């Protein structure tokens, strides 16, 4: 009951922190999509390059988030952005890359070669094949990678509060430092709910954008 009373009493602050969290994750994932999808497409042309890129992205995932945030502080401090929004977004962009690049690469590589041959036989250029044949088929798998990236960055974004980026992690950090379970539970539940809602919304978007002929697969 104490947790519920605390949440209801501080609802305006919870909503403000939720918007901060959405802003962090939204910008990071958007940039990751704009960079990760082209990278995933490009590396399909060379298996050796693909292995190196995916290995490098996987290594980034093994770096503890708090350590990554800490590394960015001295790098960005000369620019006046050692803590706060910018280093948090940069770190989240890096963490978002692997699921998006990997799913894009896997989706394009798993397309039936017969479809490519059919498109080539129709006189399509490589760009036309990519735009009109390969991407529509690969889109569900790519969007699944985006879903994974969003859920991942929502969770990691909670740590960004320790470098002054705000977000729902503020309640968690205050709950720990003040030994206040109300704030700790409120923050943890809010992060979980945000991740679940975002995943469900993206799942609906994925189904809507999937070609009707592929929905039964």
N, C-alpha and C. Protein backbone atom coordinates (compact mmCIF):
# COMPACT_ATOMS: atom_id res chain seq x y z
N UNK A 1 0.82 -1.21 0.00
CA UNK A 1 0.00 0.00 0.00
C UNK A 1 0.85 1.26 0.00
N UNK A 2 1.98 1.22 0.71
CA UNK A 2 2.86 2.39 0.74
C UNK A 2 3.39 2.71 -0.66
N UNK A 3 3.72 1.66 -1.42
CA UNK A 3 4.23 1.86 -2.77
C UNK A 3 3.16 2.48 -3.66
N UNK A 4 1.93 1.96 -3.57
CA UNK A 4 0.84 2.49 -4.39
C UNK A 4 0.56 3.95 -4.03
N UNK A 5 0.54 4.25 -2.73
CA UNK A 5 0.31 5.63 -2.29
C UNK A 5 1.42 6.55 -2.78
N UNK A 6 2.66 6.07 -2.71
CA UNK A 6 3.79 6.87 -3.19
C UNK A 6 3.66 7.14 -4.69
N UNK A 7 3.29 6.08 -5.45
CA UNK A 7 3.17 6.24 -6.90
C UNK A 7 2.07 7.21 -7.26
N UNK A 8 0.92 7.10 -6.60
CA UNK A 8 -0.19 8.00 -6.90
C UNK A 8 0.13 9.44 -6.52
N UNK A 9 0.81 9.61 -5.41
CA UNK A 9 1.17 10.96 -4.95
C UNK A 9 2.18 11.62 -5.87
N UNK A 10 3.07 10.82 -6.43
CA UNK A 10 4.15 11.36 -7.27
C UNK A 10 3.93 11.08 -8.76
N UNK A 11 2.69 10.88 -9.17
CA UNK A 11 2.40 10.55 -10.56
C UNK A 11 2.92 11.60 -11.55
N UNK A 12 2.78 12.90 -11.28
CA UNK A 12 3.33 13.88 -12.23
C UNK A 12 4.83 13.72 -12.44
N UNK A 13 5.56 13.45 -11.35
CA UNK A 13 7.00 13.25 -11.47
C UNK A 13 7.31 11.95 -12.21
N UNK A 14 6.50 10.91 -11.96
CA UNK A 14 6.71 9.65 -12.66
C UNK A 14 6.51 9.83 -14.16
N UNK A 15 5.47 10.57 -14.54
CA UNK A 15 5.21 10.81 -15.96
C UNK A 15 6.33 11.62 -16.59
N UNK A 16 6.86 12.61 -15.85
CA UNK A 16 7.97 13.42 -16.37
C UNK A 16 9.22 12.56 -16.58
N UNK A 17 9.51 11.71 -15.62
CA UNK A 17 10.67 10.82 -15.75
C UNK A 17 10.45 9.79 -16.86
N UNK A 18 9.21 9.36 -17.03
CA UNK A 18 8.90 8.43 -18.12
C UNK A 18 9.17 9.07 -19.47
N UNK A 19 8.78 10.33 -19.62
CA UNK A 19 9.03 11.02 -20.87
C UNK A 19 10.53 11.19 -21.12
N UNK A 20 11.29 11.48 -20.06
CA UNK A 20 12.75 11.55 -20.20
C UNK A 20 13.31 10.22 -20.69
N UNK A 21 12.79 9.14 -20.14
CA UNK A 21 13.25 7.80 -20.51
C UNK A 21 12.91 7.51 -21.97
N UNK A 22 11.69 7.84 -22.36
CA UNK A 22 11.27 7.62 -23.75
C UNK A 22 12.12 8.44 -24.70
N UNK A 23 12.44 9.66 -24.32
CA UNK A 23 13.27 10.52 -25.15
C UNK A 23 14.65 9.92 -25.36
N UNK A 24 15.26 9.42 -24.29
CA UNK A 24 16.58 8.78 -24.39
C UNK A 24 16.54 7.59 -25.33
N UNK A 25 15.60 6.69 -25.06
CA UNK A 25 15.51 5.44 -25.82
C UNK A 25 15.10 5.72 -27.26
N UNK A 26 14.14 6.61 -27.46
CA UNK A 26 13.65 6.90 -28.81
C UNK A 26 14.73 7.44 -29.73
N UNK A 27 15.49 8.41 -29.25
CA UNK A 27 16.56 8.99 -30.06
C UNK A 27 17.64 7.95 -30.35
N UNK A 28 18.03 7.20 -29.32
CA UNK A 28 19.09 6.20 -29.48
C UNK A 28 18.69 5.12 -30.48
N UNK A 29 17.48 4.59 -30.38
CA UNK A 29 17.05 3.52 -31.27
C UNK A 29 16.85 4.04 -32.69
N UNK A 30 16.34 5.27 -32.82
CA UNK A 30 16.16 5.84 -34.16
C UNK A 30 17.50 5.97 -34.87
N UNK A 31 18.51 6.48 -34.17
CA UNK A 31 19.84 6.59 -34.77
C UNK A 31 20.40 5.20 -35.07
N UNK A 32 20.16 4.26 -34.16
CA UNK A 32 20.65 2.89 -34.37
C UNK A 32 20.00 2.25 -35.59
N UNK A 33 18.73 2.54 -35.84
CA UNK A 33 18.06 2.02 -37.03
C UNK A 33 18.66 2.63 -38.29
N UNK A 34 18.86 3.95 -38.27
CA UNK A 34 19.38 4.65 -39.44
C UNK A 34 20.81 4.22 -39.79
N UNK A 35 21.53 3.74 -38.80
CA UNK A 35 22.90 3.28 -39.05
C UNK A 35 22.98 1.75 -39.13
N UNK A 36 22.27 1.06 -38.25
CA UNK A 36 22.39 -0.38 -38.17
C UNK A 36 21.81 -1.13 -39.36
N UNK A 37 20.67 -0.67 -39.87
CA UNK A 37 20.06 -1.35 -41.02
C UNK A 37 20.97 -1.25 -42.25
N UNK A 38 21.46 -0.06 -42.62
CA UNK A 38 22.40 0.00 -43.75
C UNK A 38 23.66 -0.83 -43.55
N UNK A 39 24.17 -0.85 -42.32
CA UNK A 39 25.36 -1.67 -42.04
C UNK A 39 25.02 -3.15 -42.23
N UNK A 40 23.87 -3.58 -41.70
CA UNK A 40 23.47 -4.96 -41.85
C UNK A 40 23.29 -5.37 -43.30
N UNK A 41 22.78 -4.45 -44.12
CA UNK A 41 22.63 -4.73 -45.55
C UNK A 41 24.00 -4.79 -46.22
N UNK A 42 24.85 -3.83 -45.89
CA UNK A 42 26.16 -3.74 -46.54
C UNK A 42 27.02 -4.97 -46.28
N UNK A 43 27.00 -5.49 -45.07
CA UNK A 43 27.90 -6.60 -44.74
C UNK A 43 27.44 -7.93 -45.35
N UNK A 44 26.27 -7.95 -45.95
CA UNK A 44 25.85 -9.19 -46.63
C UNK A 44 26.69 -9.46 -47.87
N UNK A 45 27.45 -8.46 -48.30
CA UNK A 45 28.28 -8.61 -49.49
C UNK A 45 29.61 -9.29 -49.21
N UNK A 46 29.98 -9.40 -47.92
CA UNK A 46 31.29 -9.96 -47.58
C UNK A 46 31.21 -10.69 -46.25
N UNK A 47 31.35 -12.00 -46.28
CA UNK A 47 31.21 -12.80 -45.06
C UNK A 47 32.26 -12.46 -44.03
N UNK A 48 33.50 -12.23 -44.45
CA UNK A 48 34.57 -11.91 -43.50
C UNK A 48 34.29 -10.60 -42.78
N UNK A 49 33.87 -9.59 -43.54
CA UNK A 49 33.53 -8.30 -42.94
C UNK A 49 32.35 -8.45 -41.99
N UNK A 50 31.36 -9.23 -42.41
CA UNK A 50 30.19 -9.45 -41.57
C UNK A 50 30.58 -10.07 -40.23
N UNK A 51 31.45 -11.06 -40.27
CA UNK A 51 31.89 -11.70 -39.03
C UNK A 51 32.58 -10.72 -38.10
N UNK A 52 33.41 -9.84 -38.67
CA UNK A 52 34.13 -8.86 -37.84
C UNK A 52 33.17 -7.83 -37.24
N UNK A 53 32.23 -7.35 -38.05
CA UNK A 53 31.28 -6.34 -37.57
C UNK A 53 30.40 -6.92 -36.46
N UNK A 54 29.88 -8.12 -36.68
CA UNK A 54 29.02 -8.74 -35.67
C UNK A 54 29.80 -9.08 -34.41
N UNK A 55 31.05 -9.48 -34.58
CA UNK A 55 31.89 -9.77 -33.41
C UNK A 55 32.15 -8.49 -32.62
N UNK A 56 32.45 -7.41 -33.33
CA UNK A 56 32.69 -6.14 -32.65
C UNK A 56 31.45 -5.65 -31.91
N UNK A 57 30.28 -5.79 -32.54
CA UNK A 57 29.05 -5.36 -31.89
C UNK A 57 28.76 -6.23 -30.67
N UNK A 58 29.09 -7.53 -30.76
CA UNK A 58 28.88 -8.42 -29.63
C UNK A 58 29.80 -8.08 -28.46
N UNK A 59 31.01 -7.65 -28.77
CA UNK A 59 31.95 -7.25 -27.70
C UNK A 59 31.40 -6.05 -26.94
N UNK A 60 30.82 -5.09 -27.67
CA UNK A 60 30.25 -3.92 -27.02
C UNK A 60 29.17 -4.33 -26.02
N UNK A 61 28.40 -5.35 -26.38
CA UNK A 61 27.32 -5.81 -25.50
C UNK A 61 27.85 -6.38 -24.20
N UNK A 62 29.10 -6.84 -24.20
CA UNK A 62 29.66 -7.43 -22.98
C UNK A 62 30.19 -6.37 -22.01
N UNK A 63 30.30 -5.13 -22.46
CA UNK A 63 30.81 -4.06 -21.60
C UNK A 63 29.72 -3.64 -20.62
N UNK A 64 29.97 -3.68 -19.32
CA UNK A 64 28.95 -3.23 -18.36
C UNK A 64 28.54 -1.78 -18.66
N UNK A 65 27.25 -1.52 -18.60
CA UNK A 65 26.75 -0.21 -19.00
C UNK A 65 27.33 0.92 -18.16
N UNK A 66 27.47 0.70 -16.86
CA UNK A 66 28.00 1.76 -16.01
C UNK A 66 29.44 2.07 -16.37
N UNK A 67 30.20 1.04 -16.81
CA UNK A 67 31.58 1.25 -17.24
C UNK A 67 31.61 2.03 -18.56
N UNK A 68 30.69 1.71 -19.47
CA UNK A 68 30.63 2.42 -20.75
C UNK A 68 30.32 3.89 -20.52
N UNK A 69 29.35 4.17 -19.65
CA UNK A 69 29.03 5.56 -19.32
C UNK A 69 30.26 6.26 -18.74
N UNK A 70 30.99 5.55 -17.88
CA UNK A 70 32.17 6.14 -17.27
C UNK A 70 33.25 6.45 -18.28
N UNK A 71 33.43 5.59 -19.29
CA UNK A 71 34.44 5.83 -20.33
C UNK A 71 34.11 7.08 -21.14
N UNK A 72 32.81 7.32 -21.36
CA UNK A 72 32.41 8.46 -22.18
C UNK A 72 32.59 9.80 -21.47
N UNK A 73 32.64 9.77 -20.14
CA UNK A 73 32.76 11.04 -19.40
C UNK A 73 34.03 11.81 -19.77
N UNK A 74 35.24 11.21 -19.69
CA UNK A 74 36.45 11.99 -20.05
C UNK A 74 36.52 12.30 -21.54
N UNK A 75 35.90 11.46 -22.38
CA UNK A 75 35.93 11.71 -23.82
C UNK A 75 35.11 12.93 -24.19
N UNK A 76 33.94 13.07 -23.56
CA UNK A 76 33.02 14.16 -23.92
C UNK A 76 33.16 15.39 -23.03
N UNK A 77 33.91 15.25 -21.92
CA UNK A 77 34.07 16.40 -21.02
C UNK A 77 34.68 17.63 -21.69
N UNK A 78 35.70 17.48 -22.58
CA UNK A 78 36.22 18.67 -23.25
C UNK A 78 35.19 19.40 -24.09
N UNK A 79 34.12 18.69 -24.48
CA UNK A 79 33.06 19.31 -25.27
C UNK A 79 31.95 19.88 -24.39
N UNK A 80 32.12 19.73 -23.08
CA UNK A 80 31.12 20.24 -22.15
C UNK A 80 29.94 19.31 -21.96
N UNK A 81 30.07 18.04 -22.37
CA UNK A 81 28.96 17.10 -22.26
C UNK A 81 29.42 15.79 -21.62
N UNK A 82 30.24 15.89 -20.57
CA UNK A 82 30.76 14.69 -19.94
C UNK A 82 29.70 13.88 -19.23
N UNK A 83 28.68 14.55 -18.72
CA UNK A 83 27.56 13.86 -18.09
C UNK A 83 26.27 14.39 -18.67
N UNK A 84 25.20 13.65 -18.45
CA UNK A 84 23.90 14.11 -18.91
C UNK A 84 23.39 13.34 -20.12
N UNK A 85 22.60 14.03 -20.92
CA UNK A 85 21.84 13.42 -22.00
C UNK A 85 22.72 12.82 -23.10
N UNK A 86 23.72 13.58 -23.57
CA UNK A 86 24.50 13.15 -24.73
C UNK A 86 25.26 11.85 -24.51
N UNK A 87 26.05 11.71 -23.45
CA UNK A 87 26.75 10.43 -23.29
C UNK A 87 25.79 9.26 -23.10
N UNK A 88 24.64 9.49 -22.48
CA UNK A 88 23.65 8.42 -22.31
C UNK A 88 23.14 7.96 -23.67
N UNK A 89 22.80 8.91 -24.54
CA UNK A 89 22.28 8.56 -25.86
C UNK A 89 23.34 7.83 -26.67
N UNK A 90 24.58 8.30 -26.63
CA UNK A 90 25.66 7.66 -27.39
C UNK A 90 25.84 6.21 -26.95
N UNK A 91 25.86 5.99 -25.64
CA UNK A 91 26.02 4.63 -25.13
C UNK A 91 24.86 3.74 -25.56
N UNK A 92 23.65 4.26 -25.48
CA UNK A 92 22.48 3.46 -25.86
C UNK A 92 22.46 3.16 -27.35
N UNK A 93 22.99 4.08 -28.16
CA UNK A 93 23.10 3.81 -29.60
C UNK A 93 23.98 2.59 -29.84
N UNK A 94 25.12 2.55 -29.16
CA UNK A 94 26.04 1.42 -29.33
C UNK A 94 25.39 0.11 -28.88
N UNK A 95 24.68 0.15 -27.75
CA UNK A 95 24.04 -1.07 -27.26
C UNK A 95 22.90 -1.53 -28.17
N UNK A 96 22.30 -0.61 -28.91
CA UNK A 96 21.18 -0.96 -29.81
C UNK A 96 21.65 -1.58 -31.12
N UNK A 97 22.92 -1.42 -31.44
CA UNK A 97 23.39 -1.81 -32.76
C UNK A 97 23.31 -3.31 -33.03
N UNK A 98 23.75 -4.13 -32.07
CA UNK A 98 23.87 -5.57 -32.34
C UNK A 98 22.56 -6.22 -32.78
N UNK A 99 21.45 -6.08 -32.02
CA UNK A 99 20.23 -6.76 -32.48
C UNK A 99 19.73 -6.27 -33.83
N UNK A 100 19.93 -4.98 -34.13
CA UNK A 100 19.46 -4.44 -35.40
C UNK A 100 20.34 -4.91 -36.55
N UNK A 101 21.66 -4.80 -36.39
CA UNK A 101 22.58 -5.25 -37.45
C UNK A 101 22.44 -6.75 -37.67
N UNK A 102 22.43 -7.52 -36.59
CA UNK A 102 22.37 -8.98 -36.70
C UNK A 102 21.08 -9.44 -37.38
N UNK A 103 19.95 -8.87 -36.98
CA UNK A 103 18.68 -9.28 -37.58
C UNK A 103 18.57 -8.87 -39.04
N UNK A 104 19.09 -7.67 -39.35
CA UNK A 104 19.07 -7.23 -40.74
C UNK A 104 19.93 -8.15 -41.60
N UNK A 105 21.12 -8.43 -41.13
CA UNK A 105 22.03 -9.32 -41.87
C UNK A 105 21.41 -10.70 -42.05
N UNK A 106 20.89 -11.27 -40.97
CA UNK A 106 20.30 -12.61 -41.03
C UNK A 106 19.10 -12.65 -41.97
N UNK A 107 18.25 -11.62 -41.89
CA UNK A 107 17.05 -11.59 -42.72
C UNK A 107 17.39 -11.53 -44.20
N UNK A 108 18.34 -10.69 -44.56
CA UNK A 108 18.72 -10.55 -45.97
C UNK A 108 19.40 -11.83 -46.47
N UNK A 109 20.26 -12.42 -45.65
CA UNK A 109 20.99 -13.61 -46.07
C UNK A 109 20.08 -14.82 -46.22
N UNK A 110 18.97 -14.86 -45.49
CA UNK A 110 18.08 -16.02 -45.51
C UNK A 110 17.00 -15.95 -46.59
N UNK A 111 17.01 -14.90 -47.39
CA UNK A 111 16.04 -14.80 -48.48
C UNK A 111 16.34 -15.88 -49.53
N UNK A 112 15.31 -16.51 -50.01
CA UNK A 112 15.44 -17.58 -51.00
C UNK A 112 16.17 -17.05 -52.25
N UNK A 113 17.31 -17.65 -52.61
CA UNK A 113 18.04 -17.20 -53.81
C UNK A 113 17.18 -17.22 -55.07
N UNK A 114 16.18 -18.09 -55.12
CA UNK A 114 15.31 -18.15 -56.29
C UNK A 114 14.54 -16.85 -56.49
N UNK A 115 14.21 -16.19 -55.37
CA UNK A 115 13.51 -14.91 -55.48
C UNK A 115 14.42 -13.85 -56.08
N UNK A 116 15.69 -13.87 -55.68
CA UNK A 116 16.64 -12.92 -56.25
C UNK A 116 16.81 -13.17 -57.75
N UNK A 117 16.90 -14.44 -58.12
CA UNK A 117 17.05 -14.78 -59.54
C UNK A 117 15.83 -14.35 -60.34
N UNK A 118 14.65 -14.53 -59.75
CA UNK A 118 13.43 -14.12 -60.43
C UNK A 118 13.41 -12.61 -60.63
N UNK A 119 13.82 -11.87 -59.60
CA UNK A 119 13.85 -10.41 -59.71
C UNK A 119 14.90 -9.98 -60.73
N UNK A 120 16.04 -10.66 -60.73
CA UNK A 120 17.08 -10.35 -61.70
C UNK A 120 16.59 -10.65 -63.12
N UNK A 121 15.84 -11.74 -63.27
CA UNK A 121 15.31 -12.09 -64.57
C UNK A 121 14.30 -11.09 -65.08
N UNK A 122 13.66 -10.36 -64.16
CA UNK A 122 12.70 -9.33 -64.56
C UNK A 122 13.39 -8.03 -64.92
N UNK A 123 14.71 -8.01 -64.80
CA UNK A 123 15.47 -6.82 -65.18
C UNK A 123 15.65 -5.80 -64.07
N UNK A 124 15.41 -6.20 -62.83
CA UNK A 124 15.58 -5.28 -61.71
C UNK A 124 17.05 -5.04 -61.43
N UNK A 125 17.37 -3.80 -61.09
CA UNK A 125 18.72 -3.47 -60.66
C UNK A 125 18.90 -3.95 -59.22
N UNK A 126 20.16 -4.04 -58.73
CA UNK A 126 20.37 -4.45 -57.32
C UNK A 126 19.59 -3.58 -56.34
N UNK A 127 19.53 -2.26 -56.58
CA UNK A 127 18.80 -1.37 -55.68
C UNK A 127 17.31 -1.66 -55.73
N UNK A 128 16.79 -1.91 -56.92
CA UNK A 128 15.37 -2.24 -57.04
C UNK A 128 15.05 -3.56 -56.36
N UNK A 129 15.94 -4.55 -56.50
CA UNK A 129 15.72 -5.83 -55.83
C UNK A 129 15.69 -5.65 -54.31
N UNK A 130 16.60 -4.82 -53.83
CA UNK A 130 16.65 -4.58 -52.40
C UNK A 130 15.37 -3.90 -51.91
N UNK A 131 14.95 -2.87 -52.64
CA UNK A 131 13.80 -2.08 -52.20
C UNK A 131 12.47 -2.81 -52.37
N UNK A 132 12.31 -3.53 -53.47
CA UNK A 132 11.01 -4.09 -53.81
C UNK A 132 10.86 -5.57 -53.48
N UNK A 133 11.96 -6.27 -53.26
CA UNK A 133 11.88 -7.71 -52.99
C UNK A 133 12.47 -8.05 -51.63
N UNK A 134 13.74 -7.70 -51.41
CA UNK A 134 14.45 -8.17 -50.24
C UNK A 134 13.97 -7.51 -48.94
N UNK A 135 13.89 -6.18 -48.93
CA UNK A 135 13.48 -5.50 -47.71
C UNK A 135 12.06 -5.84 -47.27
N UNK A 136 11.07 -5.90 -48.17
CA UNK A 136 9.73 -6.30 -47.72
C UNK A 136 9.70 -7.68 -47.08
N UNK A 137 10.50 -8.60 -47.61
CA UNK A 137 10.55 -9.96 -47.04
C UNK A 137 11.29 -9.94 -45.70
N UNK A 138 12.35 -9.15 -45.63
CA UNK A 138 13.19 -9.12 -44.42
C UNK A 138 12.59 -8.26 -43.31
N UNK A 139 11.61 -7.42 -43.63
CA UNK A 139 11.10 -6.44 -42.68
C UNK A 139 10.65 -7.04 -41.34
N UNK A 140 9.90 -8.14 -41.31
CA UNK A 140 9.49 -8.68 -39.99
C UNK A 140 10.67 -9.03 -39.09
N UNK A 141 11.71 -9.61 -39.65
CA UNK A 141 12.88 -9.98 -38.84
C UNK A 141 13.63 -8.73 -38.39
N UNK A 142 13.72 -7.74 -39.27
CA UNK A 142 14.38 -6.48 -38.90
C UNK A 142 13.62 -5.81 -37.76
N UNK A 143 12.30 -5.76 -37.87
CA UNK A 143 11.49 -5.14 -36.81
C UNK A 143 11.60 -5.92 -35.50
N UNK A 144 11.79 -7.22 -35.59
CA UNK A 144 12.00 -7.99 -34.37
C UNK A 144 13.30 -7.58 -33.69
N UNK A 145 14.32 -7.28 -34.50
CA UNK A 145 15.57 -6.77 -33.95
C UNK A 145 15.38 -5.41 -33.30
N UNK A 146 14.55 -4.57 -33.91
CA UNK A 146 14.25 -3.26 -33.33
C UNK A 146 13.55 -3.43 -31.99
N UNK A 147 12.61 -4.36 -31.92
CA UNK A 147 11.91 -4.64 -30.65
C UNK A 147 12.91 -5.04 -29.56
N UNK A 148 13.82 -5.92 -29.91
CA UNK A 148 14.83 -6.34 -28.94
C UNK A 148 15.69 -5.17 -28.50
N UNK A 149 16.05 -4.30 -29.46
CA UNK A 149 16.88 -3.14 -29.13
C UNK A 149 16.15 -2.17 -28.20
N UNK A 150 14.86 -1.98 -28.45
CA UNK A 150 14.08 -1.06 -27.61
C UNK A 150 13.98 -1.57 -26.18
N UNK A 151 13.64 -2.84 -26.02
CA UNK A 151 13.52 -3.41 -24.67
C UNK A 151 14.87 -3.35 -23.95
N UNK A 152 15.94 -3.66 -24.69
CA UNK A 152 17.29 -3.62 -24.10
C UNK A 152 17.66 -2.22 -23.64
N UNK A 153 17.43 -1.23 -24.49
CA UNK A 153 17.82 0.14 -24.14
C UNK A 153 16.94 0.73 -23.05
N UNK A 154 15.69 0.30 -22.96
CA UNK A 154 14.85 0.76 -21.85
C UNK A 154 15.45 0.29 -20.53
N UNK A 155 15.91 -0.96 -20.51
CA UNK A 155 16.52 -1.49 -19.29
C UNK A 155 17.84 -0.80 -18.97
N UNK A 156 18.71 -0.68 -19.98
CA UNK A 156 20.02 -0.05 -19.76
C UNK A 156 19.86 1.44 -19.47
N UNK A 157 18.84 2.06 -20.05
CA UNK A 157 18.61 3.49 -19.82
C UNK A 157 18.37 3.82 -18.36
N UNK A 158 17.92 2.84 -17.58
CA UNK A 158 17.71 3.09 -16.16
C UNK A 158 19.03 3.39 -15.45
N UNK A 159 20.14 2.87 -15.98
CA UNK A 159 21.45 3.12 -15.38
C UNK A 159 21.95 4.52 -15.70
N UNK A 160 21.39 5.12 -16.78
CA UNK A 160 21.87 6.43 -17.22
C UNK A 160 21.64 7.53 -16.20
N UNK A 161 20.79 7.28 -15.23
CA UNK A 161 20.56 8.28 -14.19
C UNK A 161 21.82 8.58 -13.40
N UNK A 162 22.76 7.62 -13.36
CA UNK A 162 23.98 7.80 -12.58
C UNK A 162 24.95 8.77 -13.24
N UNK A 163 24.69 9.15 -14.50
CA UNK A 163 25.50 10.20 -15.14
C UNK A 163 24.65 11.42 -15.42
N UNK A 164 23.55 11.55 -14.70
CA UNK A 164 22.73 12.75 -14.78
C UNK A 164 21.81 12.83 -15.97
N UNK A 165 21.44 11.69 -16.54
CA UNK A 165 20.57 11.70 -17.72
C UNK A 165 19.10 11.63 -17.36
N UNK A 166 18.77 11.47 -16.09
CA UNK A 166 17.38 11.41 -15.68
C UNK A 166 16.74 10.08 -16.03
N UNK A 167 15.45 10.12 -16.32
CA UNK A 167 14.72 8.90 -16.64
C UNK A 167 14.20 8.21 -15.40
N UNK A 168 13.56 7.07 -15.61
CA UNK A 168 12.94 6.34 -14.51
C UNK A 168 13.96 5.74 -13.55
N UNK A 169 15.21 5.62 -13.98
CA UNK A 169 16.25 5.13 -13.09
C UNK A 169 16.48 6.03 -11.90
N UNK A 170 16.00 7.27 -11.99
CA UNK A 170 16.14 8.21 -10.86
C UNK A 170 15.49 7.65 -9.61
N UNK A 171 14.31 7.05 -9.76
CA UNK A 171 13.63 6.48 -8.60
C UNK A 171 14.42 5.30 -8.03
N UNK A 172 15.02 4.52 -8.92
CA UNK A 172 15.79 3.36 -8.46
C UNK A 172 17.02 3.80 -7.69
N UNK A 173 17.75 4.78 -8.25
CA UNK A 173 18.97 5.25 -7.58
C UNK A 173 18.65 5.93 -6.25
N UNK A 174 17.58 6.71 -6.21
CA UNK A 174 17.19 7.34 -4.94
C UNK A 174 16.73 6.31 -3.93
N UNK A 175 16.01 5.30 -4.42
CA UNK A 175 15.56 4.26 -3.51
C UNK A 175 16.72 3.52 -2.87
N UNK A 176 17.79 3.30 -3.64
CA UNK A 176 18.97 2.62 -3.11
C UNK A 176 19.72 3.52 -2.13
N UNK A 177 19.96 4.77 -2.56
CA UNK A 177 20.76 5.68 -1.72
C UNK A 177 20.04 6.09 -0.44
N UNK A 178 18.70 6.16 -0.51
CA UNK A 178 17.91 6.58 0.65
C UNK A 178 17.30 5.41 1.40
N UNK A 179 17.62 4.20 0.97
CA UNK A 179 17.05 2.97 1.56
C UNK A 179 15.52 3.10 1.63
N UNK A 180 14.96 3.49 0.49
CA UNK A 180 13.51 3.70 0.40
C UNK A 180 12.92 2.70 -0.59
N UNK A 181 12.35 1.61 -0.12
CA UNK A 181 11.81 0.59 -1.04
C UNK A 181 10.66 1.11 -1.90
N UNK A 182 9.97 2.14 -1.44
CA UNK A 182 8.87 2.69 -2.24
C UNK A 182 9.38 3.23 -3.57
N UNK A 183 10.43 4.02 -3.50
CA UNK A 183 10.99 4.58 -4.74
C UNK A 183 11.63 3.49 -5.59
N UNK A 184 12.32 2.57 -4.95
CA UNK A 184 12.99 1.49 -5.68
C UNK A 184 11.98 0.63 -6.45
N UNK A 185 10.91 0.23 -5.78
CA UNK A 185 9.90 -0.60 -6.43
C UNK A 185 9.16 0.19 -7.50
N UNK A 186 8.85 1.45 -7.22
CA UNK A 186 8.16 2.29 -8.20
C UNK A 186 8.98 2.41 -9.48
N UNK A 187 10.27 2.67 -9.33
CA UNK A 187 11.14 2.79 -10.50
C UNK A 187 11.25 1.50 -11.27
N UNK A 188 11.43 0.38 -10.56
CA UNK A 188 11.58 -0.91 -11.22
C UNK A 188 10.31 -1.31 -11.96
N UNK A 189 9.16 -1.11 -11.32
CA UNK A 189 7.89 -1.45 -11.97
C UNK A 189 7.65 -0.55 -13.18
N UNK A 190 7.95 0.73 -13.05
CA UNK A 190 7.73 1.67 -14.15
C UNK A 190 8.59 1.31 -15.37
N UNK A 191 9.84 0.94 -15.13
CA UNK A 191 10.72 0.52 -16.23
C UNK A 191 10.17 -0.74 -16.89
N UNK A 192 9.72 -1.69 -16.09
CA UNK A 192 9.18 -2.94 -16.63
C UNK A 192 7.92 -2.70 -17.44
N UNK A 193 7.03 -1.87 -16.93
CA UNK A 193 5.79 -1.56 -17.65
C UNK A 193 6.09 -0.86 -18.96
N UNK A 194 7.03 0.08 -18.93
CA UNK A 194 7.39 0.79 -20.16
C UNK A 194 7.94 -0.17 -21.20
N UNK A 195 8.79 -1.11 -20.77
CA UNK A 195 9.35 -2.09 -21.70
C UNK A 195 8.27 -2.98 -22.29
N UNK A 196 7.33 -3.42 -21.46
CA UNK A 196 6.26 -4.30 -21.94
C UNK A 196 5.35 -3.56 -22.93
N UNK A 197 4.98 -2.33 -22.59
CA UNK A 197 4.11 -1.55 -23.48
C UNK A 197 4.80 -1.28 -24.81
N UNK A 198 6.08 -0.89 -24.75
CA UNK A 198 6.82 -0.61 -25.99
C UNK A 198 6.92 -1.86 -26.85
N UNK A 199 7.17 -3.01 -26.22
CA UNK A 199 7.29 -4.26 -26.98
C UNK A 199 5.97 -4.62 -27.64
N UNK A 200 4.85 -4.47 -26.93
CA UNK A 200 3.54 -4.80 -27.49
C UNK A 200 3.18 -3.86 -28.65
N UNK A 201 3.48 -2.58 -28.49
CA UNK A 201 3.19 -1.63 -29.57
C UNK A 201 4.01 -1.93 -30.81
N UNK A 202 5.27 -2.27 -30.62
CA UNK A 202 6.12 -2.61 -31.76
C UNK A 202 5.71 -3.93 -32.38
N UNK A 203 5.20 -4.85 -31.58
CA UNK A 203 4.69 -6.11 -32.11
C UNK A 203 3.49 -5.86 -33.02
N UNK A 204 2.60 -4.97 -32.59
CA UNK A 204 1.45 -4.61 -33.42
C UNK A 204 1.91 -3.96 -34.72
N UNK A 205 2.91 -3.07 -34.61
CA UNK A 205 3.45 -2.42 -35.81
C UNK A 205 4.09 -3.45 -36.73
N UNK A 206 4.80 -4.40 -36.16
CA UNK A 206 5.45 -5.45 -36.95
C UNK A 206 4.40 -6.25 -37.72
N UNK A 207 3.32 -6.61 -37.06
CA UNK A 207 2.26 -7.38 -37.73
C UNK A 207 1.57 -6.57 -38.82
N UNK A 208 1.39 -5.28 -38.56
CA UNK A 208 0.74 -4.43 -39.55
C UNK A 208 1.60 -4.24 -40.78
N UNK A 209 2.92 -4.14 -40.61
CA UNK A 209 3.81 -3.90 -41.73
C UNK A 209 4.23 -5.18 -42.44
N UNK A 210 3.91 -6.33 -41.86
CA UNK A 210 4.25 -7.59 -42.49
C UNK A 210 3.29 -7.86 -43.65
N UNK A 211 3.83 -8.28 -44.76
CA UNK A 211 3.00 -8.59 -45.92
C UNK A 211 1.96 -9.64 -45.55
N UNK A 212 0.70 -9.47 -46.00
CA UNK A 212 -0.37 -10.43 -45.66
C UNK A 212 0.00 -11.86 -46.02
N UNK A 213 0.73 -12.05 -47.09
CA UNK A 213 1.10 -13.40 -47.52
C UNK A 213 2.11 -14.06 -46.61
N UNK A 214 2.77 -13.27 -45.72
CA UNK A 214 3.79 -13.82 -44.81
C UNK A 214 3.29 -13.98 -43.38
N UNK A 215 2.12 -13.48 -43.08
CA UNK A 215 1.66 -13.47 -41.70
C UNK A 215 1.36 -14.85 -41.15
N UNK A 216 1.11 -15.78 -42.05
CA UNK A 216 0.81 -17.13 -41.57
C UNK A 216 2.05 -17.95 -41.29
N UNK A 217 3.26 -17.39 -41.67
CA UNK A 217 4.50 -18.14 -41.47
C UNK A 217 4.93 -18.11 -40.02
